[in-house]
Protein backbone atom coordinates (compact mmCIF):
# COMPACT_ATOMS: atom_id res chain seq x y z
CA MET A 1 166.13 52.25 38.69
CA ILE A 2 168.31 55.29 39.08
CA LEU A 3 166.91 58.57 37.92
CA TYR A 4 168.89 61.77 38.42
CA HIS A 5 171.58 59.63 40.04
CA VAL A 6 169.43 58.96 43.14
CA SER A 7 168.35 55.41 43.87
CA VAL A 8 164.77 54.55 44.83
CA ASP A 9 166.07 53.25 48.18
CA ASP A 10 167.52 56.67 48.99
CA LEU A 11 164.24 58.34 48.07
CA VAL A 12 162.13 55.95 50.15
CA ARG A 13 164.43 55.58 53.13
CA ASP A 14 165.20 58.73 55.05
CA ASP A 15 167.83 58.34 57.74
CA ARG A 16 166.45 61.31 59.63
CA LEU A 17 163.07 59.60 59.86
CA LEU A 18 164.67 56.37 61.12
CA GLU A 19 166.65 58.37 63.69
CA HIS A 20 163.47 60.14 64.78
CA TYR A 21 161.69 56.81 65.34
CA ALA A 22 164.68 55.46 67.27
CA ASN A 23 164.67 58.54 69.50
CA GLU A 24 160.92 58.20 70.03
CA ALA A 25 161.32 54.55 71.03
CA LYS A 26 164.08 55.47 73.49
CA HIS A 27 161.95 58.29 74.91
CA THR A 28 158.94 55.97 75.29
CA LYS A 29 161.07 53.36 77.04
CA ARG A 30 162.39 56.02 79.46
CA GLU A 31 158.85 57.25 80.19
CA GLN A 32 157.69 53.69 80.84
CA ARG A 33 160.62 53.16 83.22
CA VAL A 34 159.78 56.37 85.15
CA LEU A 35 156.13 55.26 85.33
CA THR A 36 157.12 51.83 86.66
CA TYR A 37 159.47 53.30 89.27
CA ALA A 38 156.80 55.79 90.36
CA TYR A 39 154.31 52.93 90.71
CA TYR A 40 156.60 50.97 93.02
CA ILE A 41 157.58 54.08 94.97
CA ASN A 42 153.85 54.66 95.42
CA ILE A 43 153.50 51.23 97.01
CA ILE A 44 156.43 51.88 99.37
CA MET A 45 155.14 55.34 100.30
CA TRP A 46 151.66 53.92 100.84
CA LEU A 47 153.06 51.46 103.37
CA VAL A 48 155.21 54.10 105.08
CA SER A 49 152.26 56.50 105.21
CA TYR A 50 150.49 54.15 107.62
CA LEU A 51 153.38 54.64 110.02
CA ASN A 52 152.86 58.36 109.64
CA LEU A 53 149.09 58.13 110.08
CA PHE A 54 149.08 55.98 113.19
CA HIS A 55 152.60 57.09 114.26
CA PRO A 56 153.59 54.32 116.66
CA HIS A 57 156.27 55.43 119.09
CA GLY A 58 156.06 59.04 117.95
CA PHE A 59 156.97 58.41 114.28
CA HIS A 60 155.77 61.44 112.33
CA THR A 61 157.28 63.43 109.50
CA ILE A 62 156.04 65.96 106.99
CA LEU A 63 158.26 64.42 104.30
CA ILE A 64 155.98 61.43 103.75
CA PRO A 65 152.96 63.41 102.47
CA PHE A 66 155.29 65.72 100.53
CA ILE A 67 157.00 62.78 98.77
CA MET A 68 153.60 61.15 98.16
CA VAL A 69 152.26 64.27 96.45
CA ILE A 70 155.33 64.55 94.23
CA ASN A 71 155.28 60.86 93.36
CA GLU A 72 151.54 60.80 92.61
CA VAL A 73 151.88 63.86 90.36
CA VAL A 74 154.85 62.29 88.55
CA PHE A 75 152.94 59.04 88.14
CA MET A 76 149.83 60.70 86.73
CA THR A 77 151.97 62.86 84.45
CA TYR A 78 153.66 59.85 82.89
CA PHE A 79 150.58 57.60 82.83
CA ASN A 80 149.50 57.26 79.20
CA ASP A 81 147.16 54.24 79.16
CA TRP A 82 143.94 56.23 79.36
CA GLN A 83 142.32 54.18 76.60
CA ARG A 84 141.97 51.46 79.25
CA PHE A 85 139.09 53.52 80.66
CA ALA A 86 137.47 54.41 77.33
CA GLY A 87 133.91 53.17 77.09
CA ARG A 88 133.97 51.90 80.68
CA ARG A 89 132.01 54.47 82.60
CA TRP A 90 131.36 51.89 85.31
CA LEU A 91 135.09 51.71 85.98
CA GLY A 92 135.18 55.44 86.74
CA TRP A 93 132.24 55.10 89.12
CA LEU A 94 133.88 52.09 90.75
CA ALA A 95 137.06 54.12 91.28
CA ILE A 96 135.05 56.92 92.92
CA ILE A 97 133.21 54.46 95.16
CA VAL A 98 136.46 52.73 96.16
CA PHE A 99 138.07 56.10 96.92
CA ALA A 100 135.10 57.19 99.07
CA ALA A 101 134.98 53.86 100.92
CA VAL A 102 138.72 53.80 101.60
CA PHE A 103 138.68 57.45 102.68
CA ALA A 104 135.74 56.87 105.04
CA LEU A 105 137.35 53.74 106.50
CA HIS A 106 140.59 55.60 107.20
CA VAL A 107 138.75 58.54 108.75
CA TYR A 108 136.93 56.10 111.04
CA LEU A 109 140.19 54.32 111.95
CA ASN A 110 141.84 57.69 112.52
CA LEU A 111 139.15 58.72 114.99
CA LEU A 112 139.71 55.50 116.95
CA THR A 113 143.43 56.10 117.35
CA PRO A 114 144.21 56.41 121.08
CA THR A 115 146.34 59.55 120.62
CA ILE A 116 143.51 61.30 118.75
CA ILE A 117 141.09 60.44 121.54
CA THR A 118 143.44 61.95 124.14
CA TRP A 119 143.89 65.14 122.09
CA HIS A 120 140.14 65.89 122.09
CA HIS A 121 140.35 67.28 125.61
CA LEU A 122 142.67 70.07 124.44
CA TYR A 123 141.10 73.47 124.07
CA ASN A 124 143.64 74.74 121.58
CA TYR A 125 141.34 74.67 118.56
CA SER A 126 143.97 75.95 116.15
CA PHE A 127 146.15 72.96 117.00
CA LEU A 128 143.26 70.54 116.63
CA ASN A 129 142.12 72.06 113.32
CA GLY A 130 145.64 71.88 111.90
CA LEU A 131 146.09 68.34 113.21
CA PHE A 132 142.88 67.06 111.66
CA LEU A 133 143.43 68.93 108.39
CA GLY A 134 146.90 67.41 108.07
CA ARG A 135 145.63 63.95 108.91
CA TYR A 136 142.76 64.18 106.41
CA ILE A 137 145.18 65.31 103.71
CA LEU A 138 147.34 62.28 104.51
CA ILE A 139 144.26 60.07 104.39
CA ALA A 140 143.36 61.51 100.97
CA LEU A 141 146.91 60.81 99.73
CA ILE A 142 146.71 57.25 101.07
CA SER A 143 143.38 56.80 99.28
CA ILE A 144 144.81 58.14 96.02
CA GLY A 145 147.77 55.78 96.45
CA ILE A 146 145.37 52.85 96.74
CA GLU A 147 143.53 54.07 93.63
CA ILE A 148 146.83 54.12 91.72
CA MET A 149 147.70 50.60 92.87
CA VAL A 150 144.29 49.17 91.97
CA PHE A 151 143.21 51.06 88.85
CA PHE A 152 146.38 52.48 87.29
CA LYS A 153 148.88 49.62 87.33
CA PRO A 154 151.22 50.15 84.38
CA SER A 155 150.78 47.58 81.65
CA GLY A 156 153.31 46.46 79.10
CA THR A 157 156.35 47.38 81.12
CA THR A 158 159.64 46.63 79.50
CA HIS A 159 162.80 45.92 81.44
CA ASP A 160 165.18 45.93 78.47
CA ASP A 161 168.06 48.37 78.31
């Protein structure tokens, strides 16, 4: 029925609304892609961080923790599946326990590293304090990376373009 020379279809269907939903779908797909890439970069950086932590053959760079921080912040910024944790208080406690256990294990392994043992005889306490602070920050980033891999794996990833 046409009233005032406007069809019911034109009144019900608004092209601006359809365009808005199309833009939202494209934006959501882009966010999911960034989240997926950040997840896999997290895995790569987690593996490379072990080279930095135990630095065989003198391998050590400040870029690894820096990239890990940026990637973990990007990942948590784009993560939007928080309802996965709703009503599961035990999952939050499990994540805290896993973080503490992984952190403690890495601290213990760090203290057994032969280069750390040889550095204990140094009397330059500023150097030792900075060294251990940097290593514990790296250990915390490694532990957060493990938390992301175990508890925050993106679900429903789409690979369509």
